[in-house]
Structures are given as C-alpha cells and as structure tokens.
C-alpha cells in the first residue's frame, strides 16, 4: 500500500542529499556527498539511507568526511534514486546566520580562530565593570604589548659637584625634562631639601639653586609636572666648607737677607694640600705642603740688597675646593738687618 503523508524529506531531523551519479570510471567510489551542491558530511555511514536501482543500500558502504565508497563497484547503468541523512548532520559550509551559539561545542572557539582586527578598543571599552570580577590571570611582560610608554626624566651629570653651604647654582644635565620640574636634594641621612629656585633651560638641562647648611653628600631628585620622576643612582652632590685660612694675609715679616729664617708656618683649616699659584718665594727657600698647614724654611740666596717677594698660596681640600691667600716677605741688609740698631 502506498504511503500517504509527508515525504521523508519533510520529517524533522531528516536531510535530503543530492543523488550521486554512478559511473563505471568511478566504480565503488569515492563519490562526493552534497546538499544543494554544497559538500555535506553525514554523522556516520549508518545515518545514511541510499537507494540504488530501487534497492536500499545498508551496511555495504563507508563514509569518509563528505564522501561515500561502496563495497561493490557501480557502473554507468546504475541509478541513484535518493540519499537521505537520518539526523541533522554536519554541513561543511553552513548558510549565513544558521549556526546558533548552542550548536558550538564548549571551548571550540580557539585563540587562532579569533580575528584580531575584530577586537577593537570600542569592544573592550564596552565591557561592563560588573563583568570584571574574580581573580585576574597572571600577566607577564611578554603579554603586555602596545602599551603607552612613560617618558621618565634622567640625570647624567651635574656641575659643580661640590658646593659650600652658601646658596649655589647647580646645573643638572639629563633628558626628558619638562618645564618646570621640581628639584630636591636628598641627604644620605634621608633629609630632603627643595631647591631655592629652578630655571628650566631645555629638555636636557635645568639649573637649581641650593642652600644646604649641612655638610655631606646628596642625591638629586627631579619630578616633572606629569608625575614622572628620577632620583640619581649615586650621591652626585657634595656640600663642604671651603678651606678657611687661619694665617692672616699680607706680610710674613722682614728678614735678614743673608741669614736663615725661622720656619714660617701658614695654617688653613680643612686644607689637604697647598701650592704657590702666583709669584714666587726667594731662591734658596723651601716651600713644603702638608695637611692643614704649609711651611717656608731656608736661607734666601737671590738678593744682595733690600727686596720684597709677593706670592699667592692656594689651599685645596679633599673635595677639590680652593681658597687663595696673598703673602709677602721682605729682605734687609746691613744695619737694618743686624737686629742691634733700630
């Protein structure tokens, strides 16, 4: 009795495929399985109902992806009546908007399948704060790309490197300075002293004036008005008192021209060395430098008549600071030099 009702291709979960064209050349196969000329991958061989010359084929063929191969060869004289997929099946190229979210297997969308171009700032910015919950994944430096870089200032050198306690301008050389930065001197004890005044010269140079009453070494810190800052890696600035002369400037006395003089000791606090930097002492005398003082001794052999030597001695301390002082020595001969008559 004929079947009355819907055709097989109207039943739910039944897909009608395009009939294949048997040929002697192809023989047993493989034959391409298509639906509406689009490659079609069935669930498995058992899900297919194939009719050849009016005979339902079952268990005598295999399926590999979107192809079918029969156990026995077909020929040009055979006819494929129909092919049905009993079940939804897997369409190699689904139609637009035909795959719903529930059809996607869990974890089926991999990183390689995400289009980087599609992940825009606009998409990221629309993520609600309520979605950003729970622990954040570990983030390594290798994963942080295309981030804006901070432009931090740097300090390469200063001049001078040694100053006294008096207000002194210090030129700071570096990079990425922004007008007008804040500048601080940080003592090795941790005490912080802001600069009295700051002059922005360029992105590579600023001049800061400091009055630092406490001797010691100081780090320098510069902070731009955008919050980026740098502190020198070492204590670049030294604050120290300059050498202070104790011996008064001027004449050291009048001496008998042909006699050995008493040792002349010239004292300067904090000095570590001395040098005659202008003029000269008389020939025959010996100048000896020391720590804290220097001496002049000997017998002059340069003059035979009254004369005066003028000279300047420069005292230098451990920090390279200097202090000059001018002196003179006079030479007398005859009665004026005898010491018995005045």
C-alpha atoms as a PDB file:
ATOM      1  CA  UNK A   1       0.000   0.000   0.000  1.00  0.00           C
ATOM      2  CA  UNK A   2       1.331   3.422  -0.891  1.00  0.00           C
ATOM      3  CA  UNK A   3       2.440   5.694   1.964  1.00  0.00           C
ATOM      4  CA  UNK A   4       0.104   8.649   2.462  1.00  0.00           C
ATOM      5  CA  UNK A   5       1.574  11.693   4.184  1.00  0.00           C
ATOM      6  CA  UNK A   6       4.722  13.819   4.156  1.00  0.00           C
ATOM      7  CA  UNK A   7       7.728  12.760   2.146  1.00  0.00           C
ATOM      8  CA  UNK A   8      10.835  11.600   4.029  1.00  0.00           C
ATOM      9  CA  UNK A   9      12.494  14.937   3.404  1.00  0.00           C
ATOM     10  CA  UNK A  10       9.746  16.638   5.389  1.00  0.00           C
ATOM     11  CA  UNK A  11      10.372  14.742   8.586  1.00  0.00           C
ATOM     12  CA  UNK A  12      12.235  16.513  11.410  1.00  0.00           C
ATOM     13  CA  UNK A  13      15.958  15.689  11.574  1.00  0.00           C
ATOM     14  CA  UNK A  14      15.995  14.276   8.047  1.00  0.00           C
ATOM     15  CA  UNK A  15      18.216  15.840   5.404  1.00  0.00           C
ATOM     16  CA  UNK A  16      17.788  15.049   1.727  1.00  0.00           C
ATOM     17  CA  UNK A  17      21.083  14.998  -0.140  1.00  0.00           C
ATOM     18  CA  UNK A  18      21.780  15.342  -3.816  1.00  0.00           C
ATOM     19  CA  UNK A  19      21.719  11.981  -5.650  1.00  0.00           C
ATOM     20  CA  UNK A  20      25.092  10.783  -6.846  1.00  0.00           C
ATOM     21  CA  UNK A  21      25.781   9.771 -10.438  1.00  0.00           C
ATOM     22  CA  UNK A  22      27.185   6.239 -10.578  1.00  0.00           C
ATOM     23  CA  UNK A  23      29.820   5.627 -13.262  1.00  0.00           C
ATOM     24  CA  UNK A  24      31.943   2.808 -14.478  1.00  0.00           C
ATOM     25  CA  UNK A  25      35.001   5.067 -14.291  1.00  0.00           C
ATOM     26  CA  UNK A  26      34.479   5.839 -10.610  1.00  0.00           C
ATOM     27  CA  UNK A  27      33.457   2.305  -9.733  1.00  0.00           C
ATOM     28  CA  UNK A  28      32.988   1.840  -5.996  1.00  0.00           C
ATOM     29  CA  UNK A  29      33.917   5.420  -5.300  1.00  0.00           C
ATOM     30  CA  UNK A  30      34.554   7.608  -3.548  1.00  0.00           C
ATOM     31  CA  UNK A  31      31.515   9.683  -4.539  1.00  0.00           C
ATOM     32  CA  UNK A  32      31.037  13.245  -3.215  1.00  0.00           C
ATOM     33  CA  UNK A  33      28.103  13.816  -0.879  1.00  0.00           C
ATOM     34  CA  UNK A  34      26.430  17.175  -1.399  1.00  0.00           C
ATOM     35  CA  UNK A  35      23.308  19.057  -0.445  1.00  0.00           C
ATOM     36  CA  UNK A  36      22.210  21.730  -2.865  1.00  0.00           C
ATOM     37  CA  UNK A  37      25.647  21.313  -4.480  1.00  0.00           C
ATOM     38  CA  UNK A  38      27.397  22.052  -1.152  1.00  0.00           C
ATOM     39  CA  UNK A  39      29.645  19.427   0.405  1.00  0.00           C
ATOM     40  CA  UNK A  40      27.812  17.557   3.167  1.00  0.00           C
ATOM     41  CA  UNK A  41      29.392  15.485   5.961  1.00  0.00           C
ATOM     42  CA  UNK A  42      26.985  12.969   7.495  1.00  0.00           C
ATOM     43  CA  UNK A  43      27.050  11.870  11.113  1.00  0.00           C
ATOM     44  CA  UNK A  44      28.239   8.378  10.078  1.00  0.00           C
ATOM     45  CA  UNK A  45      27.546   5.683   7.464  1.00  0.00           C
ATOM     46  CA  UNK A  46      24.652   4.245   9.479  1.00  0.00           C
ATOM     47  CA  UNK A  47      22.805   7.564   9.301  1.00  0.00           C
ATOM     48  CA  UNK A  48      22.560   7.398   5.502  1.00  0.00           C
ATOM     49  CA  UNK A  49      19.719   5.809   3.518  1.00  0.00           C
ATOM     50  CA  UNK A  50      20.873   5.269  -0.090  1.00  0.00           C
ATOM     51  CA  UNK A  51      18.724   3.740  -2.850  1.00  0.00           C
ATOM     52  CA  UNK A  52      20.463   2.329  -5.941  1.00  0.00           C
ATOM     53  CA  UNK A  53      18.211   0.906  -8.721  1.00  0.00           C
ATOM     54  CA  UNK A  54      15.291   0.777  -6.261  1.00  0.00           C
ATOM     55  CA  UNK A  55      17.280  -1.186  -3.646  1.00  0.00           C
ATOM     56  CA  UNK A  56      18.042   0.348  -0.264  1.00  0.00           C
ATOM     57  CA  UNK A  57      21.749   0.086   0.457  1.00  0.00           C
ATOM     58  CA  UNK A  58      22.751  -0.530   4.049  1.00  0.00           C
ATOM     59  CA  UNK A  59      25.993  -1.771   5.610  1.00  0.00           C
ATOM     60  CA  UNK A  60      27.669  -2.078   2.239  1.00  0.00           C
ATOM     61  CA  UNK A  61      29.371   1.324   2.079  1.00  0.00           C
ATOM     62  CA  UNK A  62      31.675   3.517   4.155  1.00  0.00           C
ATOM     63  CA  UNK A  63      31.752   7.290   4.722  1.00  0.00           C
ATOM     64  CA  UNK A  64      34.850   9.460   4.929  1.00  0.00           C
ATOM     65  CA  UNK A  65      34.033  13.104   5.630  1.00  0.00           C
ATOM     66  CA  UNK A  66      31.823  14.216   2.696  1.00  0.00           C
ATOM     67  CA  UNK A  67      32.378  11.136   0.503  1.00  0.00           C
ATOM     68  CA  UNK A  68      30.876   7.643   0.275  1.00  0.00           C
ATOM     69  CA  UNK A  69      32.542   4.474  -1.045  1.00  0.00           C
ATOM     70  CA  UNK A  70      30.635   1.270  -1.829  1.00  0.00           C
ATOM     71  CA  UNK A  71      31.870  -2.244  -1.224  1.00  0.00           C
ATOM     72  CA  UNK A  72      30.989  -3.144  -4.849  1.00  0.00           C
ATOM     73  CA  UNK A  73      31.678  -1.096  -7.937  1.00  0.00           C
ATOM     74  CA  UNK A  74      28.888   0.873  -9.600  1.00  0.00           C
ATOM     75  CA  UNK A  75      28.574   1.385 -13.331  1.00  0.00           C
ATOM     76  CA  UNK A  76      27.069   3.795 -15.796  1.00  0.00           C
ATOM     77  CA  UNK A  77      23.942   1.649 -15.931  1.00  0.00           C
ATOM     78  CA  UNK A  78      23.182   2.104 -12.224  1.00  0.00           C
ATOM     79  CA  UNK A  79      20.867   4.834 -10.962  1.00  0.00           C
ATOM     80  CA  UNK A  80      20.900   6.507  -7.559  1.00  0.00           C
ATOM     81  CA  UNK A  81      17.270   7.049  -6.583  1.00  0.00           C
ATOM     82  CA  UNK A  82      17.852   9.142  -3.450  1.00  0.00           C
ATOM     83  CA  UNK A  83      20.126   9.715  -0.457  1.00  0.00           C
ATOM     84  CA  UNK A  84      18.751  10.673   2.951  1.00  0.00           C
ATOM     85  CA  UNK A  85      20.641  11.673   6.124  1.00  0.00           C
ATOM     86  CA  UNK A  86      18.701  10.493   9.156  1.00  0.00           C
ATOM     87  CA  UNK A  87      19.744  13.272  11.537  1.00  0.00           C
ATOM     88  CA  UNK A  88      20.886  16.839  11.267  1.00  0.00           C
ATOM     89  CA  UNK A  89      24.385  16.071  10.008  1.00  0.00           C
ATOM     90  CA  UNK A  90      27.309  18.434   9.591  1.00  0.00           C
ATOM     91  CA  UNK A  91      27.207  20.862   6.686  1.00  0.00           C
ATOM     92  CA  UNK A  92      30.740  21.791   5.622  1.00  0.00           C
ATOM     93  CA  UNK A  93      29.674  25.304   4.613  1.00  0.00           C
ATOM     94  CA  UNK A  94      26.620  26.368   6.641  1.00  0.00           C
ATOM     95  CA  UNK A  95      24.393  29.180   5.434  1.00  0.00           C
ATOM     96  CA  UNK A  96      24.732  32.678   6.825  1.00  0.00           C
ATOM     97  CA  UNK A  97      23.349  33.059  10.374  1.00  0.00           C
ATOM     98  CA  UNK A  98      22.394  29.356  10.546  1.00  0.00           C
ATOM     99  CA  UNK A  99      24.729  28.242  13.371  1.00  0.00           C
ATOM    100  CA  UNK A 100      23.440  29.195  16.813  1.00  0.00           C
ATOM    101  CA  UNK A 101      25.521  29.510  19.976  1.00  0.00           C
ATOM    102  CA  UNK A 102      24.141  26.263  21.418  1.00  0.00           C
ATOM    103  CA  UNK A 103      25.469  24.380  18.371  1.00  0.00           C
ATOM    104  CA  UNK A 104      29.056  25.328  19.246  1.00  0.00           C
ATOM    105  CA  UNK A 105      30.916  22.798  21.364  1.00  0.00           C
ATOM    106  CA  UNK A 106      32.392  24.055  24.607  1.00  0.00           C
ATOM    107  CA  UNK A 107      35.902  25.519  24.110  1.00  0.00           C
ATOM    108  CA  UNK A 108      35.539  25.104  20.348  1.00  0.00           C
ATOM    109  CA  UNK A 109      36.492  28.726  19.583  1.00  0.00           C
ATOM    110  CA  UNK A 110      40.290  28.813  19.955  1.00  0.00           C
ATOM    111  CA  UNK A 111      42.645  31.768  20.051  1.00  0.00           C
ATOM    112  CA  UNK A 112      43.690  31.053  16.475  1.00  0.00           C
ATOM    113  CA  UNK A 113      40.077  31.485  15.337  1.00  0.00           C
ATOM    114  CA  UNK A 114      39.640  34.939  16.866  1.00  0.00           C
ATOM    115  CA  UNK A 115      40.086  37.737  14.376  1.00  0.00           C
ATOM    116  CA  UNK A 116      42.480  40.216  15.999  1.00  0.00           C
ATOM    117  CA  UNK A 117      41.116  43.048  13.883  1.00  0.00           C
ATOM    118  CA  UNK A 118      37.667  42.446  15.342  1.00  0.00           C
ATOM    119  CA  UNK A 119      38.910  43.005  18.911  1.00  0.00           C
ATOM    120  CA  UNK A 120      38.790  46.805  18.882  1.00  0.00           C
ATOM    121  CA  UNK A 121      39.130  49.385  21.627  1.00  0.00           C
ATOM    122  CA  UNK A 122      35.425  50.105  21.247  1.00  0.00           C
ATOM    123  CA  UNK A 123      34.592  46.447  22.011  1.00  0.00           C
ATOM    124  CA  UNK A 124      36.864  46.381  25.041  1.00  0.00           C
ATOM    125  CA  UNK A 125      35.623  49.715  26.377  1.00  0.00           C
ATOM    126  CA  UNK A 126      32.041  48.447  26.389  1.00  0.00           C
ATOM    127  CA  UNK A 127      32.795  45.651  28.867  1.00  0.00           C
ATOM    128  CA  UNK A 128      30.804  46.496  31.993  1.00  0.00           C
ATOM    129  CA  UNK A 129      32.672  46.844  35.257  1.00  0.00           C
ATOM    130  CA  UNK A 130      30.398  44.172  36.739  1.00  0.00           C
ATOM    131  CA  UNK A 131      31.961  41.675  34.333  1.00  0.00           C
ATOM    132  CA  UNK A 132      35.457  42.356  35.654  1.00  0.00           C
ATOM    133  CA  UNK A 133      35.228  40.171  38.733  1.00  0.00           C
ATOM    134  CA  UNK A 134      37.249  37.388  40.239  1.00  0.00           C
ATOM    135  CA  UNK A 135      40.967  36.908  40.218  1.00  0.00           C
ATOM    136  CA  UNK A 136      42.869  38.275  37.272  1.00  0.00           C
ATOM    137  CA  UNK A 137      45.046  35.850  35.301  1.00  0.00           C
ATOM    138  CA  UNK A 138      48.795  36.072  35.620  1.00  0.00           C
ATOM    139  CA  UNK A 139      50.180  38.741  33.316  1.00  0.00           C
ATOM    140  CA  UNK A 140      53.754  38.510  32.090  1.00  0.00           C
ATOM    141  CA  UNK A 141      55.806  41.148  30.363  1.00  0.00           C
ATOM    142  CA  UNK A 142      55.625  39.167  27.138  1.00  0.00           C
ATOM    143  CA  UNK A 143      51.842  39.641  27.104  1.00  0.00           C
ATOM    144  CA  UNK A 144      51.968  43.400  27.593  1.00  0.00           C
ATOM    145  CA  UNK A 145      52.342  44.838  24.121  1.00  0.00           C
ATOM    146  CA  UNK A 146      51.308  48.091  22.502  1.00  0.00           C
ATOM    147  CA  UNK A 147      51.155  49.801  25.895  1.00  0.00           C
ATOM    148  CA  UNK A 148      51.986  53.516  26.118  1.00  0.00           C
ATOM    149  CA  UNK A 149      55.495  54.093  27.428  1.00  0.00           C
ATOM    150  CA  UNK A 150      56.209  56.527  30.221  1.00  0.00           C
ATOM    151  CA  UNK A 151      58.727  59.230  29.431  1.00  0.00           C
ATOM    152  CA  UNK A 152      60.783  59.472  32.586  1.00  0.00           C
ATOM    153  CA  UNK A 153      63.490  62.088  33.091  1.00  0.00           C
ATOM    154  CA  UNK A 154      67.107  61.028  33.538  1.00  0.00           C
ATOM    155  CA  UNK A 155      70.120  62.612  35.257  1.00  0.00           C
ATOM    156  CA  UNK A 156      73.551  62.144  33.691  1.00  0.00           C
ATOM    157  CA  UNK A 157      75.754  64.761  35.390  1.00  0.00           C
ATOM    158  CA  UNK A 158      75.852  67.957  37.459  1.00  0.00           C
ATOM    159  CA  UNK A 159      78.206  70.932  37.678  1.00  0.00           C
ATOM    160  CA  UNK A 160      79.687  71.797  40.069  1.00  0.00           C
ATOM    161  CA  UNK A 161      79.739  68.562  42.011  1.00  0.00           C
ATOM    162  CA  UNK A 162      80.990  70.237  45.220  1.00  0.00           C
ATOM    163  CA  UNK A 163      79.447  73.356  46.773  1.00  0.00           C
ATOM    164  CA  UNK A 164      79.672  75.212  50.051  1.00  0.00           C
ATOM    165  CA  UNK A 165      76.840  75.918  52.479  1.00  0.00           C
ATOM    166  CA  UNK A 166      76.112  79.219  50.723  1.00  0.00           C
ATOM    167  CA  UNK A 167      73.407  79.459  48.037  1.00  0.00           C
ATOM    168  CA  UNK A 168      74.909  77.928  44.886  1.00  0.00           C
ATOM    169  CA  UNK A 169      73.531  77.277  41.420  1.00  0.00           C
ATOM    170  CA  UNK A 170      73.938  73.686  40.207  1.00  0.00           C
ATOM    171  CA  UNK A 171      73.494  72.829  36.522  1.00  0.00           C
ATOM    172  CA  UNK A 172      71.826  69.430  36.046  1.00  0.00           C
ATOM    173  CA  UNK A 173      72.193  67.663  32.695  1.00  0.00           C
ATOM    174  CA  UNK A 174      69.954  64.796  31.588  1.00  0.00           C
ATOM    175  CA  UNK A 175      66.965  64.052  29.351  1.00  0.00           C
ATOM    176  CA  UNK A 176      63.176  64.435  29.186  1.00  0.00           C
ATOM    177  CA  UNK A 177      62.890  67.451  31.492  1.00  0.00           C
ATOM    178  CA  UNK A 178      59.538  69.266  31.301  1.00  0.00           C
ATOM    179  CA  UNK A 179      59.131  72.912  32.270  1.00  0.00           C
ATOM    180  CA  UNK A 180      59.216  73.488  35.146  1.00  0.00           C
ATOM    181  CA  UNK A 181      60.211  70.409  37.171  1.00  0.00           C
ATOM    182  CA  UNK A 182      60.599  70.133  40.940  1.00  0.00           C
ATOM    183  CA  UNK A 183      64.167  69.549  42.138  1.00  0.00           C
ATOM    184  CA  UNK A 184      65.225  68.227  45.553  1.00  0.00           C
ATOM    185  CA  UNK A 185      68.481  67.388  47.302  1.00  0.00           C
ATOM    186  CA  UNK A 186      68.270  64.276  49.474  1.00  0.00           C
ATOM    187  CA  UNK A 187      70.928  63.901  52.145  1.00  0.00           C
ATOM    188  CA  UNK A 188      72.407  60.475  52.828  1.00  0.00           C
ATOM    189  CA  UNK A 189      70.519  60.638  56.139  1.00  0.00           C
ATOM    190  CA  UNK A 190      67.232  60.926  54.205  1.00  0.00           C
ATOM    191  CA  UNK A 191      66.605  64.640  54.844  1.00  0.00           C
ATOM    192  CA  UNK A 192      65.015  66.330  51.799  1.00  0.00           C
ATOM    193  CA  UNK A 193      65.716  69.961  50.865  1.00  0.00           C
ATOM    194  CA  UNK A 194      63.861  71.586  47.942  1.00  0.00           C
ATOM    195  CA  UNK A 195      65.844  73.850  45.630  1.00  0.00           C
ATOM    196  CA  UNK A 196      65.616  77.587  46.390  1.00  0.00           C
ATOM    197  CA  UNK A 197      64.890  78.281  42.731  1.00  0.00           C
ATOM    198  CA  UNK A 198      64.734  76.315  39.465  1.00  0.00           C
ATOM    199  CA  UNK A 199      65.424  77.543  35.954  1.00  0.00           C
ATOM    200  CA  UNK A 200      64.314  75.354  33.043  1.00  0.00           C
ATOM    201  CA  UNK A 201      66.835  75.721  30.228  1.00  0.00           C
ATOM    202  CA  UNK A 202      65.829  72.862  27.931  1.00  0.00           C
ATOM    203  CA  UNK A 203      64.642  69.268  27.914  1.00  0.00           C
ATOM    204  CA  UNK A 204      68.232  68.292  28.722  1.00  0.00           C
ATOM    205  CA  UNK A 205      69.222  70.938  31.280  1.00  0.00           C
ATOM    206  CA  UNK A 206      67.894  72.681  34.372  1.00  0.00           C
ATOM    207  CA  UNK A 207      69.636  74.922  36.883  1.00  0.00           C
ATOM    208  CA  UNK A 208      68.731  74.532  40.562  1.00  0.00           C
ATOM    209  CA  UNK A 209      69.996  76.816  43.315  1.00  0.00           C
ATOM    210  CA  UNK A 210      70.525  75.139  46.694  1.00  0.00           C
ATOM    211  CA  UNK A 211      71.291  76.447  50.172  1.00  0.00           C
ATOM    212  CA  UNK A 212      72.356  73.379  52.135  1.00  0.00           C
ATOM    213  CA  UNK A 213      73.556  74.179  55.688  1.00  0.00           C
ATOM    214  CA  UNK A 214      74.555  70.604  56.475  1.00  0.00           C
ATOM    215  CA  UNK A 215      77.783  69.227  55.057  1.00  0.00           C
ATOM    216  CA  UNK A 216      77.523  65.814  53.431  1.00  0.00           C
ATOM    217  CA  UNK A 217      76.631  64.039  50.209  1.00  0.00           C
ATOM    218  CA  UNK A 218      73.287  64.422  48.456  1.00  0.00           C
ATOM    219  CA  UNK A 219      71.219  62.537  45.886  1.00  0.00           C
ATOM    220  CA  UNK A 220      69.261  64.700  43.438  1.00  0.00           C
ATOM    221  CA  UNK A 221      65.630  64.070  42.500  1.00  0.00           C
ATOM    222  CA  UNK A 222      63.749  65.664  39.593  1.00  0.00           C
ATOM    223  CA  UNK A 223      59.985  65.331  39.163  1.00  0.00           C
ATOM    224  CA  UNK A 224      58.268  66.582  36.016  1.00  0.00           C
ATOM    225  CA  UNK A 225      54.822  68.142  36.234  1.00  0.00           C
ATOM    226  CA  UNK A 226      53.354  64.953  34.694  1.00  0.00           C
ATOM    227  CA  UNK A 227      54.444  62.941  37.740  1.00  0.00           C
ATOM    228  CA  UNK A 228      57.347  61.109  36.109  1.00  0.00           C
ATOM    229  CA  UNK A 229      60.470  61.424  38.244  1.00  0.00           C
ATOM    230  CA  UNK A 230      64.061  60.271  38.612  1.00  0.00           C
ATOM    231  CA  UNK A 231      66.463  60.084  41.532  1.00  0.00           C
ATOM    232  CA  UNK A 232      70.187  59.927  40.865  1.00  0.00           C
ATOM    233  CA  UNK A 233      71.596  56.458  41.447  1.00  0.00           C
ATOM    234  CA  UNK A 234      74.504  57.911  43.444  1.00  0.00           C
ATOM    235  CA  UNK A 235      75.034  60.913  45.694  1.00  0.00           C
ATOM    236  CA  UNK A 236      76.232  63.312  42.986  1.00  0.00           C
ATOM    237  CA  UNK A 237      76.422  66.477  45.104  1.00  0.00           C
ATOM    238  CA  UNK A 238      78.866  67.107  47.952  1.00  0.00           C
ATOM    239  CA  UNK A 239      78.381  70.004  50.375  1.00  0.00           C
ATOM    240  CA  UNK A 240      81.555  71.023  52.175  1.00  0.00           C
ATOM    241  CA  UNK A 241      83.104  74.126  53.723  1.00  0.00           C
ATOM    242  CA  UNK A 242      85.861  75.588  51.608  1.00  0.00           C
ATOM    243  CA  UNK A 243      89.318  75.697  53.195  1.00  0.00           C
ATOM    244  CA  UNK A 244      89.491  78.561  55.749  1.00  0.00           C
ATOM    245  CA  UNK A 245      92.784  80.421  56.215  1.00  0.00           C
ATOM    246  CA  UNK A 246      93.897  80.998  59.780  1.00  0.00           C
ATOM    247  CA  UNK A 247      97.108  82.856  58.920  1.00  0.00           C
ATOM    248  CA  UNK A 248      96.339  86.460  58.039  1.00  0.00           C
ATOM    249  CA  UNK A 249      97.069  87.742  54.574  1.00  0.00           C
ATOM    250  CA  UNK A 250      99.880  90.231  53.976  1.00  0.00           C
ATOM    251  CA  UNK A 251     103.483  90.457  55.149  1.00  0.00           C
ATOM    252  CA  UNK A 252     105.049  87.492  56.905  1.00  0.00           C
ATOM    253  CA  UNK A 253     107.784  89.830  58.158  1.00  0.00           C
ATOM    254  CA  UNK A 254     111.157  91.396  57.367  1.00  0.00           C
ATOM    255  CA  UNK A 255     114.136  89.071  57.369  1.00  0.00           C
ATOM    256  CA  UNK A 256     117.943  89.470  57.346  1.00  0.00           C
ATOM    257  CA  UNK A 257     118.944  88.902  53.761  1.00  0.00           C
ATOM    258  CA  UNK A 258     121.897  86.598  54.332  1.00  0.00           C
ATOM    259  CA  UNK A 259     120.645  84.590  57.324  1.00  0.00           C
ATOM    260  CA  UNK A 260     118.465  81.527  57.706  1.00  0.00           C
ATOM    261  CA  UNK A 261     114.898  82.464  58.555  1.00  0.00           C
ATOM    262  CA  UNK A 262     112.792  80.976  61.302  1.00  0.00           C
ATOM    263  CA  UNK A 263     110.311  78.434  59.939  1.00  0.00           C
ATOM    264  CA  UNK A 264     107.167  80.186  58.686  1.00  0.00           C
ATOM    265  CA  UNK A 265     104.052  78.021  59.241  1.00  0.00           C
ATOM    266  CA  UNK A 266     100.926  79.038  57.324  1.00  0.00           C
ATOM    267  CA  UNK A 267      97.691  77.394  58.545  1.00  0.00           C
ATOM    268  CA  UNK A 268      94.429  76.762  56.688  1.00  0.00           C
ATOM    269  CA  UNK A 269      91.567  74.689  58.140  1.00  0.00           C
ATOM    270  CA  UNK A 270      90.365  71.634  56.125  1.00  0.00           C
ATOM    271  CA  UNK A 271      93.171  72.011  53.584  1.00  0.00           C
ATOM    272  CA  UNK A 272      94.803  68.806  52.383  1.00  0.00           C
ATOM    273  CA  UNK A 273      97.390  70.433  50.115  1.00  0.00           C
ATOM    274  CA  UNK A 274      98.955  73.804  49.278  1.00  0.00           C
ATOM    275  CA  UNK A 275     100.596  75.317  46.212  1.00  0.00           C
ATOM    276  CA  UNK A 276     102.149  78.651  45.242  1.00  0.00           C
ATOM    277  CA  UNK A 277      99.927  79.654  42.342  1.00  0.00           C
ATOM    278  CA  UNK A 278     101.290  83.138  41.548  1.00  0.00           C
ATOM    279  CA  UNK A 279     104.528  84.991  42.297  1.00  0.00           C
ATOM    280  CA  UNK A 280     107.372  83.123  43.971  1.00  0.00           C
ATOM    281  CA  UNK A 281     109.349  82.883  47.166  1.00  0.00           C
ATOM    282  CA  UNK A 282     113.010  83.851  47.072  1.00  0.00           C
ATOM    283  CA  UNK A 283     115.555  81.453  45.654  1.00  0.00           C
ATOM    284  CA  UNK A 284     117.117  79.347  48.373  1.00  0.00           C
ATOM    285  CA  UNK A 285     113.919  78.987  50.394  1.00  0.00           C
ATOM    286  CA  UNK A 286     111.972  75.710  50.562  1.00  0.00           C
ATOM    287  CA  UNK A 287     108.167  75.521  50.380  1.00  0.00           C
ATOM    288  CA  UNK A 288     106.642  72.384  51.934  1.00  0.00           C
ATOM    289  CA  UNK A 289     102.962  71.457  51.631  1.00  0.00           C
ATOM    290  CA  UNK A 290     101.149  69.479  54.304  1.00  0.00           C
ATOM    291  CA  UNK A 291      97.683  68.739  55.699  1.00  0.00           C
ATOM    292  CA  UNK A 292      96.226  71.779  57.412  1.00  0.00           C
ATOM    293  CA  UNK A 293      99.381  73.845  57.011  1.00  0.00           C
ATOM    294  CA  UNK A 294     102.439  74.562  54.852  1.00  0.00           C
ATOM    295  CA  UNK A 295     105.914  75.856  55.745  1.00  0.00           C
ATOM    296  CA  UNK A 296     108.645  78.098  54.326  1.00  0.00           C
ATOM    297  CA  UNK A 297     112.216  77.492  55.537  1.00  0.00           C
ATOM    298  CA  UNK A 298     115.854  78.055  54.476  1.00  0.00           C
ATOM    299  CA  UNK A 299     118.194  80.934  53.542  1.00  0.00           C
ATOM    300  CA  UNK A 300     117.456  83.148  50.571  1.00  0.00           C
ATOM    301  CA  UNK A 301     120.273  83.454  48.029  1.00  0.00           C
ATOM    302  CA  UNK A 302     118.556  85.601  45.433  1.00  0.00           C
ATOM    303  CA  UNK A 303     119.058  89.132  46.794  1.00  0.00           C
ATOM    304  CA  UNK A 304     122.050  91.189  47.998  1.00  0.00           C
ATOM    305  CA  UNK A 305     120.051  94.363  48.541  1.00  0.00           C
ATOM    306  CA  UNK A 306     116.683  95.134  50.118  1.00  0.00           C
ATOM    307  CA  UNK A 307     113.806  93.444  48.295  1.00  0.00           C
ATOM    308  CA  UNK A 308     110.276  92.052  48.733  1.00  0.00           C
ATOM    309  CA  UNK A 309     108.713  88.848  47.436  1.00  0.00           C
ATOM    310  CA  UNK A 310     104.968  88.741  46.717  1.00  0.00           C
ATOM    311  CA  UNK A 311     103.214  85.401  46.169  1.00  0.00           C
ATOM    312  CA  UNK A 312      99.800  83.686  46.447  1.00  0.00           C
ATOM    313  CA  UNK A 313      99.248  80.320  48.080  1.00  0.00           C
ATOM    314  CA  UNK A 314      96.196  78.242  47.129  1.00  0.00           C
ATOM    315  CA  UNK A 315      94.852  75.794  49.709  1.00  0.00           C
ATOM    316  CA  UNK A 316      92.798  72.794  48.442  1.00  0.00           C
ATOM    317  CA  UNK A 317      90.567  70.487  50.489  1.00  0.00           C
ATOM    318  CA  UNK A 318      89.566  66.856  49.946  1.00  0.00           C
ATOM    319  CA  UNK A 319      86.571  67.874  47.814  1.00  0.00           C
ATOM    320  CA  UNK A 320      88.688  69.981  45.477  1.00  0.00           C
ATOM    321  CA  UNK A 321      87.541  73.314  46.897  1.00  0.00           C
ATOM    322  CA  UNK A 322      90.184  76.021  46.998  1.00  0.00           C
ATOM    323  CA  UNK A 323      90.973  79.169  48.898  1.00  0.00           C
ATOM    324  CA  UNK A 324      93.665  81.698  47.914  1.00  0.00           C
ATOM    325  CA  UNK A 325      95.688  83.969  50.174  1.00  0.00           C
ATOM    326  CA  UNK A 326      98.326  86.579  49.217  1.00  0.00           C
ATOM    327  CA  UNK A 327     101.522  86.931  51.246  1.00  0.00           C
ATOM    328  CA  UNK A 328     104.852  88.825  51.086  1.00  0.00           C
ATOM    329  CA  UNK A 329     108.351  88.546  52.594  1.00  0.00           C
ATOM    330  CA  UNK A 330     110.858  91.414  52.827  1.00  0.00           C
ATOM    331  CA  UNK A 331     114.671  91.207  52.891  1.00  0.00           C
ATOM    332  CA  UNK A 332     117.043  93.684  54.551  1.00  0.00           C
ATOM    333  CA  UNK A 333     120.814  94.054  54.565  1.00  0.00           C
ATOM    334  CA  UNK A 334     123.371  95.970  56.635  1.00  0.00           C
ATOM    335  CA  UNK A 335     122.433  97.801  59.839  1.00  0.00           C
ATOM    336  CA  UNK A 336     118.764  97.457  59.243  1.00  0.00           C
ATOM    337  CA  UNK A 337     119.218  93.742  59.194  1.00  0.00           C
ATOM    338  CA  UNK A 338     121.572  93.416  62.165  1.00  0.00           C
ATOM    339  CA  UNK A 339     118.861  93.473  64.702  1.00  0.00           C
ATOM    340  CA  UNK A 340     121.048  95.612  67.034  1.00  0.00           C
ATOM    341  CA  UNK A 341     120.093  99.047  65.844  1.00  0.00           C
ATOM    342  CA  UNK A 342     116.636 100.448  65.025  1.00  0.00           C
END
